[in-house]
Every structure is written in C-alpha cells, then in structure tokens.
Amino acid sequence: MNLKWQWLLCSVAALITVGLGVSVIGEAIRLRTLDLEGWFLWGTLGLILFNSGLSLLGQAVYLKVQLKLKK
C-alpha cells in the first residue's frame, strides 16, 4: 500500500475514533449524572477510544509530512 493510501486510511480512522470516543464519554457523563451504574467503564472506554484516535491522528500527520517530503 502506498503512502497516500496509508495517510488517507489513518486520517479517516482517526476522525471516526475521536468522534466515537467523545460520544462514549458523553454517554458516561449522562450515566454519571443519572446515578446509573457502569459510568466508570463507559468513561474508561471513551478515554481509550479518544486517545487512540489522537494517536492515529498523529500518525496521519507523520504520514502526510513523509508524503510531502517525498515529492
């Protein structure tokens, strides 16, 4: 797979993962506000997803720089 496709897949995956992480964190906040159980696990999962998305975003930036330097 060439560098452009790696960058494209990584950047799209980053946007999806960050958005999903924020949504799951929002659900955890809702559960905590309503004093329902499971909010801690949802919050932990949301933070894992959010941080994974940020890592993917960093990789996408790295790939984009590599792509620009290659030209």
Protein backbone atom coordinates (compact mmCIF):
# COMPACT_ATOMS: atom_id res chain seq x y z
CA MET A 1 0.00 0.00 0.00
CA ASN A 2 1.46 3.33 -0.94
CA LEU A 3 1.96 6.29 1.38
CA LYS A 4 -1.07 8.24 0.15
CA TRP A 5 -3.50 5.39 0.91
CA GLN A 6 -1.91 4.85 4.33
CA TRP A 7 -2.38 8.52 5.12
CA LEU A 8 -5.98 8.50 3.89
CA LEU A 9 -6.97 5.42 5.89
CA CYS A 10 -5.19 6.63 9.00
CA SER A 11 -6.76 10.09 8.89
CA VAL A 12 -10.29 8.76 8.36
CA ALA A 13 -9.84 6.19 11.12
CA ALA A 14 -8.59 8.97 13.41
CA LEU A 15 -11.66 11.12 12.80
CA ILE A 16 -14.02 8.21 13.39
CA THR A 17 -12.22 7.05 16.54
CA VAL A 18 -12.02 10.52 18.09
CA GLY A 19 -15.71 11.13 17.38
CA LEU A 20 -16.69 7.77 18.82
CA GLY A 21 -14.58 8.40 21.91
CA VAL A 22 -16.23 11.76 22.54
CA SER A 23 -19.67 10.19 22.12
CA VAL A 24 -18.89 7.40 24.58
CA ILE A 25 -17.52 9.92 27.09
CA GLY A 26 -20.75 11.88 26.71
CA GLU A 27 -22.74 8.74 27.44
CA ALA A 28 -20.62 8.12 30.54
CA ILE A 29 -21.33 11.65 31.73
CA ARG A 30 -25.05 11.07 31.19
CA LEU A 31 -24.93 7.82 33.17
CA ARG A 32 -23.00 9.51 35.99
CA THR A 33 -25.47 12.39 36.12
CA LEU A 34 -28.39 9.95 36.43
CA ASP A 35 -26.53 7.92 39.10
CA LEU A 36 -26.64 4.76 36.99
CA GLU A 37 -24.08 2.00 37.22
CA GLY A 38 -21.49 1.40 34.56
CA TRP A 39 -20.48 5.01 34.05
CA PHE A 40 -16.88 4.32 35.05
CA LEU A 41 -16.44 1.56 32.45
CA TRP A 42 -18.06 3.66 29.74
CA GLY A 43 -15.84 6.60 30.65
CA THR A 44 -12.73 4.44 30.58
CA LEU A 45 -13.69 3.01 27.20
CA GLY A 46 -14.37 6.52 25.90
CA LEU A 47 -10.97 7.77 27.02
CA ILE A 48 -9.27 4.77 25.41
CA LEU A 49 -11.05 5.44 22.12
CA PHE A 50 -10.36 9.17 22.26
CA ASN A 51 -6.65 8.72 22.96
CA SER A 52 -6.38 6.04 20.29
CA GLY A 53 -7.91 8.49 17.82
CA LEU A 54 -5.38 11.13 18.79
CA SER A 55 -2.57 8.63 18.24
CA LEU A 56 -3.97 7.79 14.81
CA LEU A 57 -4.18 11.50 14.05
CA GLY A 58 -0.51 11.90 14.96
CA GLN A 59 0.38 9.01 12.67
CA ALA A 60 -1.66 10.59 9.87
CA VAL A 61 0.24 13.87 10.29
CA TYR A 62 3.53 11.97 10.20
CA LEU A 63 2.49 10.17 7.01
CA LYS A 64 1.37 13.45 5.40
CA VAL A 65 4.76 15.04 6.16
CA GLN A 66 6.52 11.99 4.71
CA LEU A 67 4.31 12.27 1.62
CA LYS A 68 5.15 15.98 1.18
CA LEU A 69 8.89 15.39 1.66
CA LYS A 70 8.85 12.59 -0.89
CA LYS A 71 7.59 14.86 -3.69
